[in-house]
Amino acid sequence: MKPPQIAVWSRLLWMFLKVNLLSPSGPASIGLLYEEAVGKIMTEEQFVEAVGVSNVLPGSEALKLAMFVGFAAGGVPGVAAAILGAALPPTVMMLILSVILQFFQHEDWLQKFVAGMSPAVAALMVMVAWELFRAGSKKVSRRTLFIGGLSAIALLAGLPSPLVLLAAGALGVILFR
């Protein structure tokens, strides 16, 4: 028996509120959203597809993921619930943070604080990338390593990430026949 639609919409709202409250950074939130969504409201394949699509399209990754997941689970009202849950926490946090940063903007410790956070953000992004690589590749093969390596080289060369994702997808169609 399917749960009532209002329960699905409430779950989407709560899920995106929780993800965006516990993990306010974009890449880090993908890992938490994976834990919240996969097996509960969508399959792992749907999630990997959602992340891929959200990286190809322009705009905020968090909002695109909310729209994709919200629509998959609850249709158009699900999109509204997911977007509200995704947009509310960062909006409120940014308003509060803006007021605080205006007050401390010329303090030396603030620049040192930001410099100290940068390596941790990079580590979070690497961990999320590894989880997505494992989730998208049932079995790591030479072909997946080839596509991953070629993609890394293209990104390091400065190619736009949407172009690299489209090219990797096209290469996947060719190599995984």
C-alpha atoms as a PDB file:
ATOM      1  CA  MET A   1       0.000   0.000   0.000  1.00  0.00           C
ATOM      2  CA  LYS A   2       1.386   3.401  -1.026  1.00  0.00           C
ATOM      3  CA  PRO A   3       1.694   6.021   1.699  1.00  0.00           C
ATOM      4  CA  PRO A   4      -0.629   9.040   1.391  1.00  0.00           C
ATOM      5  CA  GLN A   5       0.782  11.851  -0.739  1.00  0.00           C
ATOM      6  CA  ILE A   6       0.853  14.241   2.212  1.00  0.00           C
ATOM      7  CA  ALA A   7       3.164  11.799   4.023  1.00  0.00           C
ATOM      8  CA  VAL A   8       5.502  11.703   1.010  1.00  0.00           C
ATOM      9  CA  TRP A   9       5.562  15.501   0.761  1.00  0.00           C
ATOM     10  CA  SER A  10       6.180  15.845   4.511  1.00  0.00           C
ATOM     11  CA  ARG A  11       9.003  13.316   4.278  1.00  0.00           C
ATOM     12  CA  LEU A  12      10.578  15.257   1.391  1.00  0.00           C
ATOM     13  CA  LEU A  13      10.320  18.539   3.290  1.00  0.00           C
ATOM     14  CA  TRP A  14      11.842  17.019   6.433  1.00  0.00           C
ATOM     15  CA  MET A  15      14.553  15.144   4.483  1.00  0.00           C
ATOM     16  CA  PHE A  16      15.786  18.287   2.704  1.00  0.00           C
ATOM     17  CA  LEU A  17      15.515  20.411   5.855  1.00  0.00           C
ATOM     18  CA  LYS A  18      17.637  17.838   7.709  1.00  0.00           C
ATOM     19  CA  VAL A  19      20.196  17.458   4.915  1.00  0.00           C
ATOM     20  CA  ASN A  20      20.590  21.210   4.545  1.00  0.00           C
ATOM     21  CA  LEU A  21      20.768  21.823   8.290  1.00  0.00           C
ATOM     22  CA  LEU A  22      23.309  19.074   9.002  1.00  0.00           C
ATOM     23  CA  SER A  23      25.439  19.597   5.921  1.00  0.00           C
ATOM     24  CA  PRO A  24      25.224  23.127   4.556  1.00  0.00           C
ATOM     25  CA  SER A  25      27.853  22.653   1.829  1.00  0.00           C
ATOM     26  CA  GLY A  26      26.795  21.430  -1.621  1.00  0.00           C
ATOM     27  CA  PRO A  27      29.196  18.517  -2.187  1.00  0.00           C
ATOM     28  CA  ALA A  28      29.005  17.311   1.413  1.00  0.00           C
ATOM     29  CA  SER A  29      25.216  17.297   1.314  1.00  0.00           C
ATOM     30  CA  ILE A  30      25.235  14.793  -1.544  1.00  0.00           C
ATOM     31  CA  GLY A  31      26.624  12.098   0.751  1.00  0.00           C
ATOM     32  CA  LEU A  32      24.000  12.753   3.409  1.00  0.00           C
ATOM     33  CA  LEU A  33      21.221  12.946   0.822  1.00  0.00           C
ATOM     34  CA  TYR A  34      22.419   9.597  -0.524  1.00  0.00           C
ATOM     35  CA  GLU A  35      21.951   8.068   2.933  1.00  0.00           C
ATOM     36  CA  GLU A  36      18.508   9.655   3.321  1.00  0.00           C
ATOM     37  CA  ALA A  37      17.090   8.923  -0.141  1.00  0.00           C
ATOM     38  CA  VAL A  38      18.573   5.691  -1.513  1.00  0.00           C
ATOM     39  CA  GLY A  39      16.477   2.691  -0.580  1.00  0.00           C
ATOM     40  CA  LYS A  40      13.802   4.861   0.999  1.00  0.00           C
ATOM     41  CA  ILE A  41      12.361   6.947  -1.827  1.00  0.00           C
ATOM     42  CA  MET A  42      14.603   6.108  -4.783  1.00  0.00           C
ATOM     43  CA  THR A  43      17.063   3.520  -6.063  1.00  0.00           C
ATOM     44  CA  GLU A  44      20.804   3.961  -6.186  1.00  0.00           C
ATOM     45  CA  GLU A  45      20.642   4.166  -9.989  1.00  0.00           C
ATOM     46  CA  GLN A  46      18.056   6.961  -9.796  1.00  0.00           C
ATOM     47  CA  PHE A  47      20.249   8.831  -7.313  1.00  0.00           C
ATOM     48  CA  VAL A  48      23.363   8.572  -9.490  1.00  0.00           C
ATOM     49  CA  GLU A  49      21.267   9.759 -12.438  1.00  0.00           C
ATOM     50  CA  ALA A  50      19.972  12.690 -10.369  1.00  0.00           C
ATOM     51  CA  VAL A  51      23.495  13.761  -9.386  1.00  0.00           C
ATOM     52  CA  GLY A  52      24.693  13.441 -12.977  1.00  0.00           C
ATOM     53  CA  VAL A  53      21.792  15.441 -14.380  1.00  0.00           C
ATOM     54  CA  SER A  54      22.148  18.109 -11.713  1.00  0.00           C
ATOM     55  CA  ASN A  55      25.811  18.567 -12.625  1.00  0.00           C
ATOM     56  CA  VAL A  56      25.081  18.903 -16.344  1.00  0.00           C
ATOM     57  CA  LEU A  57      22.375  21.549 -16.020  1.00  0.00           C
ATOM     58  CA  PRO A  58      23.203  25.120 -15.008  1.00  0.00           C
ATOM     59  CA  GLY A  59      22.176  26.450 -11.610  1.00  0.00           C
ATOM     60  CA  SER A  60      22.351  25.459  -7.978  1.00  0.00           C
ATOM     61  CA  GLU A  61      23.168  21.787  -7.568  1.00  0.00           C
ATOM     62  CA  ALA A  62      21.247  21.496  -4.301  1.00  0.00           C
ATOM     63  CA  LEU A  63      18.066  22.911  -5.822  1.00  0.00           C
ATOM     64  CA  LYS A  64      18.359  20.776  -8.954  1.00  0.00           C
ATOM     65  CA  LEU A  65      18.768  17.665  -6.799  1.00  0.00           C
ATOM     66  CA  ALA A  66      15.786  18.708  -4.700  1.00  0.00           C
ATOM     67  CA  MET A  67      13.686  19.119  -7.831  1.00  0.00           C
ATOM     68  CA  PHE A  68      14.750  15.773  -9.281  1.00  0.00           C
ATOM     69  CA  VAL A  69      14.267  13.825  -6.043  1.00  0.00           C
ATOM     70  CA  GLY A  70      11.056  15.700  -5.191  1.00  0.00           C
ATOM     71  CA  PHE A  71       9.514  14.975  -8.575  1.00  0.00           C
ATOM     72  CA  ALA A  72      10.585  11.307  -8.522  1.00  0.00           C
ATOM     73  CA  ALA A  73       8.987  10.808  -5.099  1.00  0.00           C
ATOM     74  CA  GLY A  74       6.000  13.169  -5.082  1.00  0.00           C
ATOM     75  CA  GLY A  75       5.373  14.801  -8.439  1.00  0.00           C
ATOM     76  CA  VAL A  76       5.059  18.577  -8.725  1.00  0.00           C
ATOM     77  CA  PRO A  77       3.948  19.051  -5.080  1.00  0.00           C
ATOM     78  CA  GLY A  78       6.971  16.927  -4.114  1.00  0.00           C
ATOM     79  CA  VAL A  79       9.174  19.396  -5.982  1.00  0.00           C
ATOM     80  CA  ALA A  80       7.689  22.275  -3.985  1.00  0.00           C
ATOM     81  CA  ALA A  81       8.196  20.462  -0.669  1.00  0.00           C
ATOM     82  CA  ALA A  82      11.776  19.480  -1.511  1.00  0.00           C
ATOM     83  CA  ILE A  83      12.709  22.978  -2.720  1.00  0.00           C
ATOM     84  CA  LEU A  84      11.255  24.554   0.407  1.00  0.00           C
ATOM     85  CA  GLY A  85      13.268  22.144   2.548  1.00  0.00           C
ATOM     86  CA  ALA A  86      16.409  22.761   0.489  1.00  0.00           C
ATOM     87  CA  ALA A  87      16.135  26.560   0.287  1.00  0.00           C
ATOM     88  CA  LEU A  88      14.954  27.506   3.764  1.00  0.00           C
ATOM     89  CA  PRO A  89      18.008  26.495   5.866  1.00  0.00           C
ATOM     90  CA  PRO A  90      20.678  28.112   3.676  1.00  0.00           C
ATOM     91  CA  THR A  91      18.594  31.258   3.249  1.00  0.00           C
ATOM     92  CA  VAL A  92      18.170  31.747   6.993  1.00  0.00           C
ATOM     93  CA  MET A  93      21.807  30.787   7.667  1.00  0.00           C
ATOM     94  CA  MET A  94      23.087  33.230   5.036  1.00  0.00           C
ATOM     95  CA  LEU A  95      21.058  36.079   6.492  1.00  0.00           C
ATOM     96  CA  ILE A  96      22.454  35.385   9.976  1.00  0.00           C
ATOM     97  CA  LEU A  97      26.001  34.850   8.694  1.00  0.00           C
ATOM     98  CA  SER A  98      25.903  38.050   6.631  1.00  0.00           C
ATOM     99  CA  VAL A  99      25.074  40.085   9.713  1.00  0.00           C
ATOM    100  CA  ILE A 100      27.887  38.429  11.695  1.00  0.00           C
ATOM    101  CA  LEU A 101      30.450  38.770   8.888  1.00  0.00           C
ATOM    102  CA  GLN A 102      29.638  42.450   8.452  1.00  0.00           C
ATOM    103  CA  PHE A 103      30.567  42.923  12.084  1.00  0.00           C
ATOM    104  CA  PHE A 104      33.854  40.917  11.925  1.00  0.00           C
ATOM    105  CA  GLN A 105      34.891  41.474   8.290  1.00  0.00           C
ATOM    106  CA  HIS A 106      38.179  43.208   9.099  1.00  0.00           C
ATOM    107  CA  GLU A 107      39.363  40.777  11.783  1.00  0.00           C
ATOM    108  CA  ASP A 108      42.557  38.807  11.014  1.00  0.00           C
ATOM    109  CA  TRP A 109      41.295  35.613  12.686  1.00  0.00           C
ATOM    110  CA  LEU A 110      38.452  35.368  10.194  1.00  0.00           C
ATOM    111  CA  GLN A 111      40.840  34.981   7.227  1.00  0.00           C
ATOM    112  CA  LYS A 112      42.789  32.331   9.169  1.00  0.00           C
ATOM    113  CA  PHE A 113      39.556  30.517   9.997  1.00  0.00           C
ATOM    114  CA  VAL A 114      38.603  30.358   6.309  1.00  0.00           C
ATOM    115  CA  ALA A 115      42.112  29.191   5.367  1.00  0.00           C
ATOM    116  CA  GLY A 116      41.831  26.406   7.939  1.00  0.00           C
ATOM    117  CA  MET A 117      38.482  25.221   6.568  1.00  0.00           C
ATOM    118  CA  SER A 118      39.650  24.951   2.942  1.00  0.00           C
ATOM    119  CA  PRO A 119      41.482  21.583   3.291  1.00  0.00           C
ATOM    120  CA  ALA A 120      38.498  20.069   5.106  1.00  0.00           C
ATOM    121  CA  VAL A 121      36.155  21.151   2.304  1.00  0.00           C
ATOM    122  CA  ALA A 122      38.509  19.562  -0.247  1.00  0.00           C
ATOM    123  CA  ALA A 123      38.549  16.320   1.769  1.00  0.00           C
ATOM    124  CA  LEU A 124      34.732  16.272   1.881  1.00  0.00           C
ATOM    125  CA  MET A 125      34.578  16.686  -1.875  1.00  0.00           C
ATOM    126  CA  VAL A 126      37.022  13.806  -2.402  1.00  0.00           C
ATOM    127  CA  MET A 127      34.962  11.524  -0.133  1.00  0.00           C
ATOM    128  CA  VAL A 128      31.725  12.350  -1.968  1.00  0.00           C
ATOM    129  CA  ALA A 129      33.433  11.791  -5.324  1.00  0.00           C
ATOM    130  CA  TRP A 130      34.652   8.377  -4.164  1.00  0.00           C
ATOM    131  CA  GLU A 131      31.159   7.364  -2.982  1.00  0.00           C
ATOM    132  CA  LEU A 132      29.612   8.441  -6.285  1.00  0.00           C
ATOM    133  CA  PHE A 133      32.312   6.598  -8.241  1.00  0.00           C
ATOM    134  CA  ARG A 134      31.641   3.402  -6.279  1.00  0.00           C
ATOM    135  CA  ALA A 135      27.862   3.785  -6.592  1.00  0.00           C
ATOM    136  CA  GLY A 136      27.970   4.406 -10.338  1.00  0.00           C
ATOM    137  CA  SER A 137      30.401   1.598 -11.073  1.00  0.00           C
ATOM    138  CA  LYS A 138      29.084  -1.806 -10.056  1.00  0.00           C
ATOM    139  CA  LYS A 139      32.464  -3.264 -10.852  1.00  0.00           C
ATOM    140  CA  VAL A 140      35.529  -1.094 -11.276  1.00  0.00           C
ATOM    141  CA  SER A 141      37.020  -2.024 -14.620  1.00  0.00           C
ATOM    142  CA  ARG A 142      39.640  -0.621 -16.942  1.00  0.00           C
ATOM    143  CA  ARG A 143      36.864   1.184 -18.804  1.00  0.00           C
ATOM    144  CA  THR A 144      35.597   2.977 -15.680  1.00  0.00           C
ATOM    145  CA  LEU A 145      39.136   3.898 -14.664  1.00  0.00           C
ATOM    146  CA  PHE A 146      39.785   5.133 -18.212  1.00  0.00           C
ATOM    147  CA  ILE A 147      36.691   7.344 -18.200  1.00  0.00           C
ATOM    148  CA  GLY A 148      37.491   8.609 -14.689  1.00  0.00           C
ATOM    149  CA  GLY A 149      41.107   9.367 -15.568  1.00  0.00           C
ATOM    150  CA  LEU A 150      40.215  11.046 -18.834  1.00  0.00           C
ATOM    151  CA  SER A 151      37.568  13.110 -17.042  1.00  0.00           C
ATOM    152  CA  ALA A 152      40.071  14.180 -14.379  1.00  0.00           C
ATOM    153  CA  ILE A 153      42.571  15.239 -17.060  1.00  0.00           C
ATOM    154  CA  ALA A 154      39.874  17.195 -18.908  1.00  0.00           C
ATOM    155  CA  LEU A 155      38.790  18.957 -15.709  1.00  0.00           C
ATOM    156  CA  LEU A 156      42.385  19.765 -14.758  1.00  0.00           C
ATOM    157  CA  ALA A 157      42.868  21.163 -18.279  1.00  0.00           C
ATOM    158  CA  GLY A 158      40.050  23.591 -17.548  1.00  0.00           C
ATOM    159  CA  LEU A 159      37.197  22.119 -19.597  1.00  0.00           C
ATOM    160  CA  PRO A 160      33.745  22.989 -18.212  1.00  0.00           C
ATOM    161  CA  SER A 161      32.321  20.244 -15.994  1.00  0.00           C
ATOM    162  CA  PRO A 162      28.997  19.960 -17.900  1.00  0.00           C
ATOM    163  CA  LEU A 163      30.954  19.306 -21.108  1.00  0.00           C
ATOM    164  CA  VAL A 164      33.137  16.707 -19.370  1.00  0.00           C
ATOM    165  CA  LEU A 165      30.048  14.948 -17.964  1.00  0.00           C
ATOM    166  CA  LEU A 166      28.341  14.856 -21.360  1.00  0.00           C
ATOM    167  CA  ALA A 167      31.494  13.523 -23.014  1.00  0.00           C
ATOM    168  CA  ALA A 168      31.932  10.886 -20.278  1.00  0.00           C
ATOM    169  CA  GLY A 169      28.330   9.801 -20.738  1.00  0.00           C
ATOM    170  CA  ALA A 170      28.797   9.512 -24.506  1.00  0.00           C
ATOM    171  CA  LEU A 171      32.019   7.558 -23.958  1.00  0.00           C
ATOM    172  CA  GLY A 172      30.145   5.280 -21.559  1.00  0.00           C
ATOM    173  CA  VAL A 173      27.569   4.541 -24.271  1.00  0.00           C
ATOM    174  CA  ILE A 174      30.402   3.559 -26.608  1.00  0.00           C
ATOM    175  CA  LEU A 175      32.540   1.578 -24.144  1.00  0.00           C
ATOM    176  CA  PHE A 176      29.805  -0.225 -22.184  1.00  0.00           C
ATOM    177  CA  ARG A 177      27.910  -1.731 -25.125  1.00  0.00           C
END
